[in-house]
N, C-alpha and C. Protein backbone atom coordinates (compact mmCIF):
# COMPACT_ATOMS: atom_id res chain seq x y z
N MET A 1 14.28 15.49 11.52
CA MET A 1 14.40 14.06 11.60
C MET A 1 14.36 13.60 13.03
N ASN A 2 13.81 12.44 13.25
CA ASN A 2 13.76 11.87 14.58
C ASN A 2 14.98 11.00 14.79
N SER A 3 15.98 11.55 15.48
CA SER A 3 17.16 10.76 15.78
C SER A 3 17.68 11.17 17.14
N THR A 4 18.38 10.27 17.76
CA THR A 4 18.98 10.57 19.04
C THR A 4 20.48 10.68 18.83
N PRO A 5 21.16 11.41 19.71
CA PRO A 5 22.61 11.54 19.54
C PRO A 5 23.28 10.18 19.48
N GLY A 6 24.17 10.02 18.52
CA GLY A 6 24.89 8.77 18.37
C GLY A 6 24.15 7.74 17.54
N ASN A 7 22.90 7.97 17.24
CA ASN A 7 22.12 7.04 16.42
C ASN A 7 21.87 7.66 15.06
N LYS A 8 21.86 6.80 14.06
CA LYS A 8 21.52 7.27 12.72
C LYS A 8 20.02 7.50 12.66
N PRO A 9 19.56 8.47 11.86
CA PRO A 9 18.11 8.64 11.70
C PRO A 9 17.50 7.37 11.12
N GLU A 10 16.29 7.08 11.54
CA GLU A 10 15.59 5.88 11.08
C GLU A 10 15.27 6.03 9.60
N PRO A 11 15.63 5.03 8.77
CA PRO A 11 15.32 5.14 7.34
C PRO A 11 13.81 5.10 7.13
N GLU A 12 13.40 5.68 6.03
CA GLU A 12 11.97 5.70 5.72
C GLU A 12 11.46 4.28 5.59
N LYS A 13 10.44 3.94 6.38
CA LYS A 13 9.93 2.57 6.41
C LYS A 13 9.04 2.26 5.22
N LYS A 14 8.25 3.22 4.82
CA LYS A 14 7.30 2.97 3.74
C LYS A 14 7.99 3.07 2.39
N GLN A 15 7.84 2.05 1.62
CA GLN A 15 8.36 2.08 0.26
C GLN A 15 7.31 2.69 -0.64
N VAL A 16 7.76 3.11 -1.77
CA VAL A 16 6.82 3.58 -2.78
C VAL A 16 5.90 2.41 -3.13
N PHE A 17 4.64 2.69 -3.35
CA PHE A 17 3.64 1.65 -3.60
C PHE A 17 4.08 0.71 -4.71
N GLU A 18 4.57 1.26 -5.79
CA GLU A 18 4.95 0.43 -6.94
C GLU A 18 6.09 -0.52 -6.59
N GLN A 19 7.04 -0.06 -5.78
CA GLN A 19 8.14 -0.93 -5.36
C GLN A 19 7.63 -2.06 -4.48
N SER A 20 6.74 -1.73 -3.57
CA SER A 20 6.17 -2.75 -2.69
C SER A 20 5.39 -3.78 -3.50
N LEU A 21 4.61 -3.32 -4.45
CA LEU A 21 3.81 -4.22 -5.27
C LEU A 21 4.71 -5.12 -6.12
N ALA A 22 5.77 -4.55 -6.69
CA ALA A 22 6.69 -5.34 -7.49
C ALA A 22 7.36 -6.42 -6.64
N ARG A 23 7.76 -6.07 -5.44
CA ARG A 23 8.38 -7.06 -4.55
C ARG A 23 7.37 -8.14 -4.17
N LEU A 24 6.13 -7.75 -3.91
CA LEU A 24 5.09 -8.71 -3.58
C LEU A 24 4.87 -9.69 -4.73
N GLU A 25 4.83 -9.18 -5.96
CA GLU A 25 4.67 -10.05 -7.13
C GLU A 25 5.85 -11.01 -7.27
N GLU A 26 7.06 -10.52 -6.98
CA GLU A 26 8.25 -11.37 -7.03
C GLU A 26 8.16 -12.49 -6.00
N ILE A 27 7.71 -12.16 -4.81
CA ILE A 27 7.55 -13.16 -3.75
C ILE A 27 6.54 -14.22 -4.16
N VAL A 28 5.43 -13.79 -4.73
CA VAL A 28 4.40 -14.75 -5.18
C VAL A 28 4.98 -15.69 -6.23
N ARG A 29 5.70 -15.14 -7.20
CA ARG A 29 6.32 -15.99 -8.23
C ARG A 29 7.27 -17.00 -7.59
N ASN A 30 8.09 -16.56 -6.65
CA ASN A 30 9.03 -17.46 -5.98
C ASN A 30 8.30 -18.57 -5.22
N LEU A 31 7.24 -18.20 -4.53
CA LEU A 31 6.50 -19.20 -3.76
C LEU A 31 5.77 -20.19 -4.66
N GLU A 32 5.30 -19.71 -5.82
CA GLU A 32 4.56 -20.58 -6.73
C GLU A 32 5.46 -21.50 -7.56
N SER A 33 6.66 -21.03 -7.90
CA SER A 33 7.45 -21.78 -8.87
C SER A 33 8.68 -22.48 -8.30
N ALA A 34 9.13 -22.09 -7.15
CA ALA A 34 10.39 -22.64 -6.64
C ALA A 34 10.16 -23.72 -5.59
N ASN A 35 11.09 -24.64 -5.54
CA ASN A 35 11.10 -25.63 -4.47
C ASN A 35 11.94 -25.05 -3.34
N LEU A 36 11.30 -24.27 -2.50
CA LEU A 36 12.00 -23.59 -1.43
C LEU A 36 11.98 -24.41 -0.15
N PRO A 37 13.03 -24.31 0.65
CA PRO A 37 12.97 -24.91 1.97
C PRO A 37 11.85 -24.24 2.77
N LEU A 38 11.25 -24.98 3.68
CA LEU A 38 10.12 -24.47 4.45
C LEU A 38 10.45 -23.17 5.15
N ASP A 39 11.62 -23.09 5.76
CA ASP A 39 12.01 -21.88 6.50
C ASP A 39 12.04 -20.66 5.59
N GLU A 40 12.63 -20.81 4.41
CA GLU A 40 12.70 -19.70 3.46
C GLU A 40 11.31 -19.34 2.94
N ALA A 41 10.49 -20.35 2.66
CA ALA A 41 9.13 -20.09 2.20
C ALA A 41 8.33 -19.33 3.25
N MET A 42 8.51 -19.68 4.52
CA MET A 42 7.79 -18.99 5.59
C MET A 42 8.25 -17.54 5.70
N LYS A 43 9.54 -17.29 5.56
CA LYS A 43 10.05 -15.91 5.61
C LYS A 43 9.48 -15.09 4.46
N LEU A 44 9.45 -15.68 3.27
CA LEU A 44 8.88 -14.98 2.12
C LEU A 44 7.39 -14.72 2.32
N PHE A 45 6.69 -15.71 2.86
CA PHE A 45 5.26 -15.56 3.12
C PHE A 45 5.01 -14.41 4.09
N GLU A 46 5.78 -14.36 5.18
CA GLU A 46 5.62 -13.29 6.17
C GLU A 46 5.91 -11.92 5.55
N GLU A 47 6.97 -11.85 4.75
CA GLU A 47 7.30 -10.59 4.08
C GLU A 47 6.17 -10.19 3.13
N GLY A 48 5.64 -11.16 2.40
CA GLY A 48 4.55 -10.89 1.48
C GLY A 48 3.30 -10.40 2.18
N MET A 49 2.98 -11.00 3.33
CA MET A 49 1.80 -10.56 4.08
C MET A 49 1.98 -9.12 4.56
N GLN A 50 3.17 -8.77 5.03
CA GLN A 50 3.42 -7.40 5.48
C GLN A 50 3.32 -6.43 4.31
N LEU A 51 3.90 -6.79 3.18
CA LEU A 51 3.80 -5.94 2.00
C LEU A 51 2.35 -5.78 1.56
N SER A 52 1.58 -6.85 1.63
CA SER A 52 0.17 -6.80 1.27
C SER A 52 -0.58 -5.82 2.16
N ARG A 53 -0.33 -5.90 3.46
CA ARG A 53 -0.99 -4.97 4.40
C ARG A 53 -0.57 -3.53 4.11
N ASP A 54 0.73 -3.32 3.86
CA ASP A 54 1.22 -1.97 3.57
C ASP A 54 0.59 -1.41 2.30
N CYS A 55 0.51 -2.23 1.25
CA CYS A 55 -0.10 -1.79 -0.01
C CYS A 55 -1.57 -1.47 0.19
N GLN A 56 -2.28 -2.31 0.93
CA GLN A 56 -3.70 -2.08 1.19
C GLN A 56 -3.90 -0.76 1.93
N LYS A 57 -3.05 -0.51 2.92
CA LYS A 57 -3.16 0.74 3.69
C LYS A 57 -2.90 1.94 2.79
N GLN A 58 -1.88 1.84 1.93
CA GLN A 58 -1.58 2.95 1.01
C GLN A 58 -2.74 3.19 0.04
N LEU A 59 -3.35 2.12 -0.44
CA LEU A 59 -4.51 2.27 -1.34
C LEU A 59 -5.68 2.93 -0.62
N GLU A 60 -5.92 2.53 0.62
CA GLU A 60 -7.01 3.13 1.39
C GLU A 60 -6.76 4.61 1.63
N GLN A 61 -5.51 4.97 1.92
CA GLN A 61 -5.18 6.38 2.12
C GLN A 61 -5.35 7.18 0.84
N ALA A 62 -4.95 6.60 -0.28
CA ALA A 62 -5.10 7.29 -1.57
C ALA A 62 -6.58 7.49 -1.90
N GLU A 63 -7.38 6.45 -1.66
CA GLU A 63 -8.81 6.54 -1.94
C GLU A 63 -9.46 7.62 -1.08
N ALA A 64 -9.01 7.75 0.17
CA ALA A 64 -9.58 8.75 1.05
C ALA A 64 -9.28 10.17 0.56
N ARG A 65 -8.18 10.33 -0.16
CA ARG A 65 -7.81 11.66 -0.65
C ARG A 65 -8.48 12.02 -1.97
N VAL A 66 -8.95 11.01 -2.67
CA VAL A 66 -9.57 11.27 -3.97
C VAL A 66 -10.92 11.95 -3.75
N GLU A 67 -11.08 13.05 -4.35
CA GLU A 67 -12.35 13.77 -4.22
C GLU A 67 -12.87 14.14 -5.61
N ILE A 68 -14.16 14.09 -5.73
CA ILE A 68 -14.79 14.51 -6.98
C ILE A 68 -15.32 15.93 -6.76
N LEU A 69 -14.91 16.81 -7.62
CA LEU A 69 -15.41 18.18 -7.51
C LEU A 69 -16.70 18.31 -8.31
N LEU A 70 -17.68 18.76 -7.64
CA LEU A 70 -18.98 18.96 -8.27
C LEU A 70 -19.27 20.45 -8.37
N LYS A 71 -19.73 20.84 -9.50
CA LYS A 71 -20.07 22.24 -9.68
C LYS A 71 -21.51 22.45 -9.22
N LYS A 72 -21.66 23.28 -8.22
CA LYS A 72 -23.00 23.58 -7.71
C LYS A 72 -23.71 24.53 -8.67
N ALA A 73 -25.01 24.64 -8.50
CA ALA A 73 -25.82 25.49 -9.36
C ALA A 73 -25.33 26.94 -9.34
N GLY A 74 -24.84 27.41 -8.20
CA GLY A 74 -24.38 28.79 -8.09
C GLY A 74 -22.98 29.01 -8.64
N GLY A 75 -22.38 27.98 -9.22
CA GLY A 75 -21.06 28.13 -9.80
C GLY A 75 -19.92 27.79 -8.85
N GLU A 76 -20.26 27.49 -7.59
CA GLU A 76 -19.23 27.14 -6.62
C GLU A 76 -18.79 25.69 -6.81
N MET A 77 -17.57 25.42 -6.44
CA MET A 77 -17.07 24.05 -6.49
C MET A 77 -17.17 23.45 -5.09
N ALA A 78 -17.64 22.22 -5.01
CA ALA A 78 -17.76 21.53 -3.73
C ALA A 78 -17.05 20.19 -3.82
N ALA A 79 -16.40 19.82 -2.76
CA ALA A 79 -15.69 18.54 -2.72
C ALA A 79 -16.61 17.48 -2.14
N GLN A 80 -16.58 16.32 -2.75
CA GLN A 80 -17.38 15.19 -2.29
C GLN A 80 -16.47 13.97 -2.26
N PRO A 81 -16.52 13.16 -1.19
CA PRO A 81 -15.67 11.96 -1.15
C PRO A 81 -15.94 11.05 -2.33
N PHE A 82 -14.89 10.42 -2.81
CA PHE A 82 -14.98 9.50 -3.94
C PHE A 82 -15.59 8.19 -3.50
N GLU A 83 -16.60 7.72 -4.22
CA GLU A 83 -17.23 6.44 -3.95
C GLU A 83 -17.30 5.67 -5.27
N PRO A 84 -16.43 4.66 -5.45
CA PRO A 84 -16.43 3.91 -6.70
C PRO A 84 -17.75 3.21 -6.94
N GLU A 85 -18.17 3.21 -8.21
CA GLU A 85 -19.42 2.55 -8.56
C GLU A 85 -19.24 1.05 -8.60
N GLY A 86 -20.25 0.32 -8.14
CA GLY A 86 -20.25 -1.13 -8.24
C GLY A 86 -19.30 -1.84 -7.31
N GLU A 87 -18.68 -1.13 -6.39
CA GLU A 87 -17.76 -1.77 -5.46
C GLU A 87 -18.54 -2.26 -4.25
N GLU A 88 -18.31 -3.52 -3.90
CA GLU A 88 -19.01 -4.10 -2.77
C GLU A 88 -18.12 -4.07 -1.55
N GLU A 89 -18.73 -3.94 -0.37
CA GLU A 89 -18.00 -4.01 0.88
C GLU A 89 -17.58 -5.43 1.14
N THR A 90 -16.36 -5.60 1.66
CA THR A 90 -15.90 -6.95 1.99
C THR A 90 -15.75 -7.09 3.47
């Protein structure tokens, strides 16, 4: 663990993807349905944007790890990066 004497170790910053997504959905519901004070709405918006970036990064990392194994003619297995069909670049 990365800690210095007298300091507590830093808690894990990254939440599980599903937890982050659930919190993001909760924030969206609150922003859409509640009459929130501007200050609170801005705090929720900022938290939501950070969660959105974190989720996107986690999805990109997961996609990079996904590999399709192709069986070569000689019987060997080869790894090929996953490329979803019909997905357009944004």
